[in-house]
Amino acid sequence: MISGSSTGSYPAFTHIGLRENPGKNLNQTIFSSEKRQKNTVVSPLSLSTVLSMVQQGSGGNTLKELDQVLHAQPKSTREGFKNLIQELSVGNCSLRTVELSGDLEDIKLEIANKLYVRTGFDILKSFVNIVKKDFRSDIEDLNFSDAASAADTINSWVSENTHHKIQSLVTKDMITPDTVLMLLNAVYFSGGWYTVFAERNTNMQPFTTLNGNSKDVATMHHYQEILVGGHNSDIGAKYVHLPFSVSAYSCITTYHFQNNQFSMLLIVPDAVDGLKGVLNSLTTQKLVSLIREVDTRYVDLALPKYKFDTTSKLVPTLKKVRKNSFDLKEEKATIIINIDLSVLSNVKHVSYKIGFFAATQCLKPLYYISQMGVYDLFDISANLTGISLRPLKATEVIQKAEIEVDEKGAKAVAVTGESSSIKLSV
């Protein structure tokens, strides 16, 4: 998880959780699945942005569900995204892809949105104006009748706006004769460590996986480094912040992220088999307390180098949402701006003061999700009359994300797509 504090004000967005367990957030929902026995990375920021764009064209119960899920009405989500873009408009941050230098000296954070519309299909000008003005989205007609060509066009945009880290998101089989819209969001992050890991200290060390097996992996080391960190008995884990370098030319200005507070948060369970317990205990309140921690200490850190990606079909997750009891009202000014990258993988235990947890990724402001699941959006009863006068429903929400961590720094990228089709009468 990468976090940074700020004094701005964003609307509370989503905290995603299982209906059966209202305390669970998006990470818990996905990573605690029995099927998730491998490294996993997701991006709530990317997902929230796509849902927020769909929200602008929703009505009736569909809008009600999205309002509750995003914990904000359309006007607030529009303003929230505009505020985020204003924050990113300083320095090197961008809504478009830019060439990066080979060195990871500065933090790079880029967001891009795109709306593809079936050629000849009419969408309302009011919706076009909102996604263009407030979400800075490009809009382009596309011949969805040629599924293979349409998929190639979409995947070309995905590749370009993820610095070619993600080559494709959709297949031609995902585009049906009824597909008329495709909403896309891409997020790219790149940052160099404030203190790089010395490559000479990287060596092969045993890594314990979820099934209890051990394998040798390339492991980086910091010795007696002064870092923010400690132990949290509530979740049964140690934690440490690994800060990124912030220069005067970085897109993350010192006004917003002072004293290298933009960092990766690493967590290691106390028990070798404690990952599930940590996931179940890591509520939004506890996560926020870790992000806002400032106490420093000397740390010996062993962190494996890694690179992995995940493809997530998110419709089932969105249907398993329920309200979390944590209230963001008093925290809005400081929490919502916390941009973090979080990934949960396997657990490594070493005999250092702080080892590492599962590792990394997902660019997100700490968003919220509320009590009802998102059902109408994917049903014949969907109300998207703010997008088109033709009856529409969402058919798929899919995300691909990737994280890479080495001695110089970290790179993380995610892209989310939502497709809509004409509803068929039954």
Protein backbone atom coordinates (compact mmCIF):
# COMPACT_ATOMS: atom_id res chain seq x y z
CA MET A 1 0.00 0.00 0.00
CA ILE A 2 1.34 3.43 -0.92
CA SER A 3 -0.04 6.34 1.06
CA GLY A 4 0.34 10.09 1.27
CA SER A 5 -1.34 12.67 3.45
CA SER A 6 -2.88 15.90 2.28
CA THR A 7 -5.07 18.74 3.42
CA GLY A 8 -7.52 18.73 0.54
CA SER A 9 -11.12 17.59 0.60
CA TYR A 10 -12.56 14.81 -1.51
CA PRO A 11 -15.98 13.20 -1.21
CA ALA A 12 -16.15 9.87 0.54
CA PHE A 13 -16.29 7.18 -2.08
CA THR A 14 -16.30 3.46 -1.62
CA HIS A 15 -15.44 0.95 1.01
CA ILE A 16 -16.34 -2.34 -0.58
CA GLY A 17 -17.39 -5.31 1.53
CA LEU A 18 -19.24 -8.58 1.63
CA ARG A 19 -22.95 -8.46 2.45
CA GLU A 20 -22.41 -11.35 4.84
CA ASN A 21 -19.70 -9.42 6.67
CA PRO A 22 -20.24 -5.65 6.69
CA GLY A 23 -16.78 -5.01 8.10
CA LYS A 24 -14.94 -6.25 5.05
CA ASN A 25 -13.38 -3.87 2.55
CA LEU A 26 -12.45 -4.48 -1.09
CA ASN A 27 -9.09 -6.01 -0.22
CA GLN A 28 -10.71 -8.37 2.28
CA THR A 29 -13.50 -9.25 -0.14
CA ILE A 30 -11.13 -10.30 -2.88
CA PHE A 31 -8.11 -11.59 -0.97
CA SER A 32 -9.99 -13.65 1.61
CA SER A 33 -11.66 -15.73 -1.08
CA GLU A 34 -10.75 -19.40 -0.82
CA LYS A 35 -9.95 -19.29 -4.53
CA ARG A 36 -7.37 -16.54 -4.00
CA GLN A 37 -4.36 -18.67 -3.14
CA LYS A 38 -1.94 -16.51 -5.10
CA ASN A 39 -0.60 -12.97 -5.21
CA THR A 40 -3.36 -10.46 -5.95
CA VAL A 41 -3.47 -6.79 -6.90
CA VAL A 42 -6.52 -4.54 -7.35
CA SER A 43 -7.18 -0.81 -7.78
CA PRO A 44 -10.18 0.70 -6.00
CA LEU A 45 -9.36 4.12 -7.47
CA SER A 46 -9.74 2.81 -11.00
CA LEU A 47 -12.96 0.98 -10.15
CA SER A 48 -14.42 3.97 -8.29
CA THR A 49 -13.69 6.28 -11.22
CA VAL A 50 -15.54 4.06 -13.67
CA LEU A 51 -18.51 3.66 -11.32
CA SER A 52 -18.59 7.41 -10.77
CA MET A 53 -18.86 8.04 -14.50
CA VAL A 54 -21.70 5.52 -14.80
CA GLN A 55 -23.36 7.17 -11.79
CA GLN A 56 -23.62 10.47 -13.69
CA GLY A 57 -26.03 8.86 -16.16
CA SER A 58 -28.04 6.77 -13.71
CA GLY A 59 -31.54 7.30 -12.35
CA GLY A 60 -34.13 5.71 -10.08
CA ASN A 61 -33.05 2.75 -7.97
CA THR A 62 -29.90 2.30 -10.06
CA LEU A 63 -28.75 5.76 -9.00
CA LYS A 64 -29.76 5.06 -5.40
CA GLU A 65 -27.61 1.93 -5.29
CA LEU A 66 -24.61 3.71 -6.82
CA ASP A 67 -25.05 6.67 -4.46
CA GLN A 68 -24.94 4.29 -1.52
CA VAL A 69 -22.01 2.34 -2.93
CA LEU A 70 -19.97 5.45 -3.67
CA HIS A 71 -21.21 7.15 -0.50
CA ALA A 72 -21.78 10.33 -2.48
CA GLN A 73 -24.21 11.80 -4.98
CA PRO A 74 -23.21 12.51 -8.60
CA LYS A 75 -22.29 16.14 -7.96
CA SER A 76 -19.94 15.16 -5.15
CA THR A 77 -18.19 12.44 -7.15
CA ARG A 78 -17.73 14.86 -10.05
CA GLU A 79 -16.21 17.45 -7.74
CA GLY A 80 -14.08 14.82 -6.06
CA PHE A 81 -12.56 13.68 -9.33
CA LYS A 82 -12.00 17.29 -10.42
CA ASN A 83 -10.18 17.96 -7.14
CA LEU A 84 -8.03 14.89 -7.64
CA ILE A 85 -7.13 16.01 -11.16
CA GLN A 86 -6.25 19.47 -9.88
CA GLU A 87 -3.89 17.85 -7.37
CA LEU A 88 -2.30 15.86 -10.19
CA SER A 89 -2.02 18.86 -12.50
CA VAL A 90 1.07 20.09 -10.63
CA GLY A 91 4.45 19.06 -11.98
CA ASN A 92 4.73 15.79 -13.88
CA CYS A 93 1.36 14.24 -13.01
CA SER A 94 -0.87 13.87 -16.01
CA LEU A 95 -4.14 12.71 -17.47
CA ARG A 96 -2.18 11.48 -20.46
CA THR A 97 0.70 9.12 -20.90
CA VAL A 98 4.15 10.78 -21.00
CA GLU A 99 7.61 9.38 -21.70
CA LEU A 100 9.38 8.52 -18.46
CA SER A 101 13.11 8.56 -17.95
CA GLY A 102 14.87 5.32 -17.16
CA ASP A 103 15.48 6.31 -13.54
CA LEU A 104 12.85 6.16 -10.83
CA GLU A 105 13.75 9.50 -9.26
CA ASP A 106 10.34 11.15 -9.10
CA ILE A 107 6.83 10.02 -8.35
CA LYS A 108 4.72 9.71 -11.48
CA LEU A 109 0.97 9.36 -11.19
CA GLU A 110 -1.19 9.37 -14.32
CA ILE A 111 -4.92 8.89 -14.85
CA ALA A 112 -6.74 8.55 -18.17
CA ASN A 113 -10.43 7.99 -19.02
CA LYS A 114 -12.03 6.93 -22.28
CA LEU A 115 -15.58 6.37 -23.57
CA TYR A 116 -16.15 4.32 -26.71
CA VAL A 117 -19.62 4.60 -28.28
CA ARG A 118 -21.06 2.36 -30.97
CA THR A 119 -21.08 4.21 -34.29
CA GLY A 120 -24.52 5.68 -34.85
CA PHE A 121 -25.68 5.20 -31.24
CA ASP A 122 -26.97 8.39 -29.66
CA ILE A 123 -25.93 9.38 -26.14
CA LEU A 124 -27.20 12.48 -24.38
CA LYS A 125 -25.18 15.68 -24.72
CA SER A 126 -25.52 16.29 -20.98
CA PHE A 127 -23.67 13.03 -20.25
CA VAL A 128 -21.05 13.77 -22.91
CA ASN A 129 -20.39 17.18 -21.36
CA ILE A 130 -19.96 15.72 -17.86
CA VAL A 131 -17.49 12.97 -18.80
CA LYS A 132 -15.54 15.39 -20.99
CA LYS A 133 -15.43 18.34 -18.60
CA ASP A 134 -15.39 16.76 -15.16
CA PHE A 135 -13.72 13.41 -15.85
CA ARG A 136 -11.49 14.62 -18.70
CA SER A 137 -12.56 11.65 -20.77
CA ASP A 138 -12.02 11.33 -24.50
CA ILE A 139 -15.05 10.10 -26.44
CA GLU A 140 -14.77 8.16 -29.68
CA ASP A 141 -17.15 6.32 -31.99
CA LEU A 142 -16.29 2.66 -32.51
CA ASN A 143 -17.66 -0.02 -34.82
CA PHE A 144 -18.66 -2.64 -32.24
CA SER A 145 -20.19 -4.72 -35.06
CA ASP A 146 -16.64 -5.80 -35.90
CA ALA A 147 -15.84 -7.35 -32.51
CA ALA A 148 -12.23 -8.26 -33.32
CA SER A 149 -11.37 -4.79 -34.62
CA ALA A 150 -13.18 -3.10 -31.72
CA ALA A 151 -11.27 -5.22 -29.18
CA ASP A 152 -7.98 -4.32 -30.89
CA THR A 153 -8.81 -0.60 -30.70
CA ILE A 154 -9.74 -0.80 -27.02
CA ASN A 155 -6.65 -2.83 -26.15
CA SER A 156 -4.44 -0.40 -28.05
CA TRP A 157 -5.73 2.41 -25.81
CA VAL A 158 -5.17 0.23 -22.75
CA SER A 159 -1.58 -0.51 -23.74
CA GLU A 160 -0.77 3.12 -24.53
CA ASN A 161 -2.19 4.46 -21.28
CA THR A 162 -0.49 1.87 -19.07
CA HIS A 163 2.96 2.43 -20.57
CA HIS A 164 2.49 -0.95 -22.31
CA LYS A 165 2.45 -2.72 -18.96
CA ILE A 166 -1.02 -4.09 -19.71
CA GLN A 167 -1.39 -5.15 -23.32
CA SER A 168 -5.08 -6.06 -23.37
CA LEU A 169 -8.25 -5.90 -21.30
CA VAL A 170 -11.02 -7.25 -23.52
CA THR A 171 -11.41 -10.08 -26.02
CA LYS A 172 -13.64 -10.14 -29.06
CA ASP A 173 -15.92 -12.61 -27.26
CA MET A 174 -16.73 -9.93 -24.67
CA ILE A 175 -18.19 -7.68 -27.37
CA THR A 176 -21.68 -8.79 -28.37
CA PRO A 177 -24.10 -7.51 -31.03
CA ASP A 178 -25.83 -5.54 -28.25
CA THR A 179 -22.68 -3.79 -26.94
CA VAL A 180 -22.99 -0.02 -27.40
CA LEU A 181 -20.68 1.55 -24.78
CA MET A 182 -17.30 0.88 -23.19
CA LEU A 183 -16.08 3.06 -20.31
CA LEU A 184 -12.38 2.81 -19.43
CA ASN A 185 -10.06 4.12 -16.74
CA ALA A 186 -6.30 3.65 -16.52
CA VAL A 187 -4.02 4.50 -13.58
CA TYR A 188 -0.21 4.45 -13.71
CA PHE A 189 2.18 4.91 -10.77
CA SER A 190 5.97 4.97 -10.69
CA GLY A 191 8.19 6.00 -7.80
CA GLY A 192 11.78 5.64 -6.64
CA TRP A 193 12.65 4.82 -3.03
CA TYR A 194 13.87 7.63 -0.79
CA THR A 195 16.67 5.22 0.11
CA VAL A 196 17.34 2.64 -2.58
CA PHE A 197 18.15 -0.95 -1.67
CA ALA A 198 21.80 -1.78 -2.29
CA GLU A 199 21.87 -4.45 -5.00
CA ARG A 200 24.91 -6.07 -3.39
CA ASN A 201 22.70 -6.93 -0.38
CA THR A 202 20.08 -8.74 -2.47
CA ASN A 203 20.33 -12.50 -2.05
CA MET A 204 18.24 -15.65 -2.23
CA GLN A 205 16.30 -16.39 0.96
CA PRO A 206 13.44 -18.73 1.89
CA PHE A 207 9.89 -17.43 1.39
CA THR A 208 6.90 -19.11 3.06
CA THR A 209 3.80 -19.32 0.87
CA LEU A 210 0.16 -19.56 1.96
CA ASN A 211 0.18 -23.34 1.77
CA GLY A 212 3.15 -23.46 4.14
CA ASN A 213 5.73 -24.42 1.53
CA SER A 214 9.04 -22.62 1.37
CA LYS A 215 10.90 -21.47 -1.72
CA ASP A 216 13.99 -19.34 -2.30
CA VAL A 217 13.34 -15.86 -3.72
CA ALA A 218 15.50 -12.79 -4.41
CA THR A 219 15.27 -10.70 -1.25
CA MET A 220 16.33 -7.07 -0.78
CA HIS A 221 17.66 -5.68 2.52
CA HIS A 222 17.78 -2.48 4.54
CA TYR A 223 19.85 -2.60 7.72
CA GLN A 224 19.23 -0.27 10.67
CA GLU A 225 17.17 2.09 8.54
CA ILE A 226 15.15 4.78 10.36
CA LEU A 227 11.55 4.21 9.23
CA VAL A 228 8.01 4.77 10.45
CA GLY A 229 6.88 1.43 11.83
CA GLY A 230 5.88 -0.64 14.79
CA HIS A 231 3.54 -3.36 16.01
CA ASN A 232 -0.28 -3.33 16.06
CA SER A 233 -1.77 -5.85 18.45
CA ASP A 234 -5.32 -5.26 17.15
CA ILE A 235 -4.48 -6.85 13.81
CA GLY A 236 -1.66 -9.05 15.08
CA ALA A 237 1.06 -7.72 12.80
CA LYS A 238 4.13 -5.53 12.45
CA TYR A 239 4.16 -2.72 9.88
CA VAL A 240 6.61 -0.32 8.27
CA HIS A 241 6.39 2.62 5.85
CA LEU A 242 8.90 2.53 3.01
CA PRO A 243 9.10 6.16 1.76
CA PHE A 244 9.40 7.27 -1.83
CA SER A 245 11.68 10.06 -2.99
CA VAL A 246 9.92 13.40 -3.59
CA SER A 247 11.90 15.99 -5.50
CA ALA A 248 11.04 19.58 -6.33
CA TYR A 249 10.09 18.44 -9.83
CA SER A 250 7.86 15.57 -8.76
CA CYS A 251 4.16 15.61 -9.54
CA ILE A 252 3.57 15.02 -5.82
CA THR A 253 4.45 18.40 -4.36
CA THR A 254 6.01 18.91 -0.96
CA TYR A 255 2.95 20.96 -0.04
CA HIS A 256 0.81 17.86 -0.21
CA PHE A 257 3.30 15.18 0.81
CA GLN A 258 5.75 16.64 3.28
CA ASN A 259 8.71 14.85 4.80
CA ASN A 260 8.51 11.90 2.40
CA GLN A 261 5.12 10.82 3.71
CA PHE A 262 4.31 9.26 0.36
CA SER A 263 5.25 5.68 1.08
CA MET A 264 4.54 2.01 0.68
CA LEU A 265 2.96 0.42 3.73
CA LEU A 266 4.21 -3.11 4.39
CA ILE A 267 2.53 -5.43 6.92
CA VAL A 268 3.76 -8.78 8.26
CA PRO A 269 1.49 -10.99 10.41
CA ASP A 270 2.89 -12.17 13.75
CA ALA A 271 1.99 -15.78 12.96
CA VAL A 272 3.33 -17.71 9.98
CA ASP A 273 -0.25 -18.62 9.07
CA GLY A 274 -1.66 -15.26 10.18
CA LEU A 275 -2.53 -13.67 6.81
CA LYS A 276 -6.22 -14.59 6.99
CA GLY A 277 -6.49 -13.21 10.52
CA VAL A 278 -4.85 -9.93 9.51
CA LEU A 279 -7.21 -9.59 6.54
CA ASN A 280 -10.24 -10.16 8.73
CA SER A 281 -9.00 -7.63 11.31
CA LEU A 282 -7.80 -4.89 8.96
CA THR A 283 -10.84 -2.60 8.98
CA THR A 284 -10.83 0.87 7.46
CA GLN A 285 -10.31 2.46 10.87
CA LYS A 286 -7.25 0.33 11.58
CA LEU A 287 -5.86 0.85 8.10
CA VAL A 288 -6.19 4.61 8.50
CA SER A 289 -4.41 4.50 11.85
CA LEU A 290 -1.48 2.68 10.23
CA ILE A 291 -1.35 5.16 7.35
CA ARG A 292 -1.30 8.10 9.76
CA GLU A 293 1.37 6.62 12.04
CA VAL A 294 4.43 8.85 12.55
CA ASP A 295 6.58 7.05 15.12
CA THR A 296 10.00 6.06 13.79
CA ARG A 297 12.48 3.38 14.81
CA TYR A 298 15.51 1.51 13.52
CA VAL A 299 14.40 -1.29 11.22
CA ASP A 300 16.10 -4.27 9.59
CA LEU A 301 13.91 -4.92 6.56
CA ALA A 302 13.92 -7.94 4.25
CA LEU A 303 11.67 -7.48 1.22
CA PRO A 304 11.45 -9.85 -1.75
CA LYS A 305 11.62 -8.43 -5.26
CA TYR A 306 8.41 -9.26 -7.05
CA LYS A 307 6.27 -8.63 -10.08
CA PHE A 308 2.77 -10.00 -10.64
CA ASP A 309 -0.59 -9.14 -12.15
CA THR A 310 -4.25 -9.96 -11.57
CA THR A 311 -7.39 -10.00 -13.71
CA SER A 312 -10.60 -9.49 -11.71
CA LYS A 313 -14.19 -9.73 -12.89
CA LEU A 314 -15.86 -7.43 -10.40
CA VAL A 315 -19.60 -7.84 -10.95
CA PRO A 316 -19.91 -10.56 -8.25
CA THR A 317 -17.92 -8.38 -5.82
CA LEU A 318 -20.13 -5.35 -6.47
CA LYS A 319 -23.19 -7.45 -5.68
CA LYS A 320 -21.76 -8.29 -2.24
CA VAL A 321 -21.59 -4.84 -0.73
CA ARG A 322 -22.81 -3.67 2.62
CA LYS A 323 -22.38 -0.63 4.84
CA ASN A 324 -19.34 -0.34 7.06
CA SER A 325 -19.89 1.25 10.45
CA PHE A 326 -16.90 3.61 10.23
CA ASP A 327 -17.91 7.25 9.76
CA LEU A 328 -15.70 9.37 7.52
CA LYS A 329 -17.21 12.78 8.25
CA GLU A 330 -14.53 13.93 10.68
CA GLU A 331 -11.76 12.33 8.63
CA LYS A 332 -12.68 13.67 5.20
CA ALA A 333 -9.98 16.33 5.03
CA THR A 334 -7.12 13.97 5.85
CA ILE A 335 -8.22 10.48 4.83
CA ILE A 336 -9.83 10.77 1.46
CA ILE A 337 -6.75 12.23 -0.12
CA ASN A 338 -4.61 9.36 1.09
CA ILE A 339 -3.59 7.77 -2.18
CA ASP A 340 -2.44 4.26 -1.54
CA LEU A 341 -1.20 1.28 -3.41
CA SER A 342 -2.06 -2.03 -1.76
CA VAL A 343 -1.46 -5.57 -2.70
CA LEU A 344 -1.79 -8.61 -0.55
CA SER A 345 0.26 -11.63 -1.43
CA ASN A 346 1.92 -14.32 0.62
CA VAL A 347 3.61 -14.02 3.98
CA LYS A 348 7.31 -14.08 4.63
CA HIS A 349 8.74 -14.47 8.11
CA VAL A 350 12.35 -13.65 8.85
CA SER A 351 14.24 -13.05 12.07
CA TYR A 352 14.43 -9.29 11.66
CA LYS A 353 12.69 -6.64 13.71
CA ILE A 354 10.25 -6.09 10.85
CA GLY A 355 10.00 -8.49 7.96
CA PHE A 356 7.40 -7.81 5.38
CA PHE A 357 3.87 -8.78 4.78
CA ALA A 358 2.20 -9.51 1.73
CA ALA A 359 3.04 -6.82 -0.55
CA THR A 360 1.55 -4.06 -2.51
CA GLN A 361 -0.47 -2.32 -5.03
CA CYS A 362 -3.55 -0.33 -5.77
CA LEU A 363 -3.92 3.31 -6.34
CA LYS A 364 -6.84 4.62 -4.38
CA PRO A 365 -8.10 7.40 -2.26
CA LEU A 366 -9.58 5.68 0.82
CA TYR A 367 -13.06 5.38 -0.52
CA TYR A 368 -16.18 4.03 1.07
CA ILE A 369 -18.94 1.66 0.15
CA SER A 370 -22.34 1.53 1.76
CA GLN A 371 -25.13 -0.78 2.52
CA MET A 372 -26.78 -2.13 -0.65
CA GLY A 373 -25.19 -4.22 -3.34
CA VAL A 374 -25.15 -3.03 -6.96
CA TYR A 375 -27.84 -5.10 -8.65
CA ASP A 376 -30.02 -2.91 -10.84
CA LEU A 377 -27.07 -1.75 -12.95
CA PHE A 378 -26.65 -5.29 -14.30
CA ASP A 379 -30.34 -6.12 -14.53
CA ILE A 380 -33.17 -5.57 -17.02
CA SER A 381 -34.45 -2.96 -14.55
CA ALA A 382 -31.31 -0.78 -14.94
CA ASN A 383 -32.00 2.94 -15.29
CA LEU A 384 -29.31 4.63 -17.38
CA THR A 385 -31.61 7.22 -18.90
CA GLY A 386 -29.05 9.92 -18.19
CA ILE A 387 -26.74 8.30 -20.74
CA SER A 388 -29.19 7.50 -23.53
CA LEU A 389 -32.93 7.41 -24.17
CA ARG A 390 -32.41 3.84 -25.35
CA PRO A 391 -32.75 1.19 -22.60
CA LEU A 392 -29.29 0.16 -21.34
CA LYS A 393 -27.76 -2.09 -18.72
CA ALA A 394 -24.19 -2.83 -17.69
CA THR A 395 -22.93 -6.24 -18.75
CA GLU A 396 -19.38 -6.48 -17.39
CA VAL A 397 -16.89 -4.78 -15.08
CA ILE A 398 -13.36 -6.09 -15.46
CA GLN A 399 -10.00 -4.93 -14.13
CA LYS A 400 -6.38 -5.83 -14.79
CA ALA A 401 -3.62 -4.62 -12.50
CA GLU A 402 0.13 -5.14 -12.15
CA ILE A 403 2.76 -4.33 -9.53
CA GLU A 404 6.56 -4.47 -9.70
CA VAL A 405 8.96 -3.80 -6.81
CA ASP A 406 12.77 -3.83 -7.00
CA GLU A 407 15.82 -2.13 -5.49
CA LYS A 408 15.14 1.22 -7.18
CA GLY A 409 11.43 1.61 -6.49
CA ALA A 410 7.95 0.48 -7.45
CA LYS A 411 5.66 0.62 -10.46
CA ALA A 412 1.95 -0.12 -10.37
CA VAL A 413 -0.69 0.08 -13.05
CA ALA A 414 -4.38 -0.75 -13.37
CA VAL A 415 -7.11 -0.47 -15.99
CA THR A 416 -10.86 -0.97 -15.46
CA GLY A 417 -13.51 -1.37 -18.14
CA GLU A 418 -17.31 -1.29 -17.97
CA SER A 419 -19.41 -2.33 -20.93
CA SER A 420 -23.08 -1.49 -21.49
CA SER A 421 -25.53 -3.05 -23.91
CA ILE A 422 -29.05 -2.47 -25.13
CA LYS A 423 -31.59 -4.16 -22.86
CA LEU A 424 -33.74 -6.85 -24.41
CA SER A 425 -37.42 -7.00 -23.52
CA VAL A 426 -38.59 -10.12 -21.74
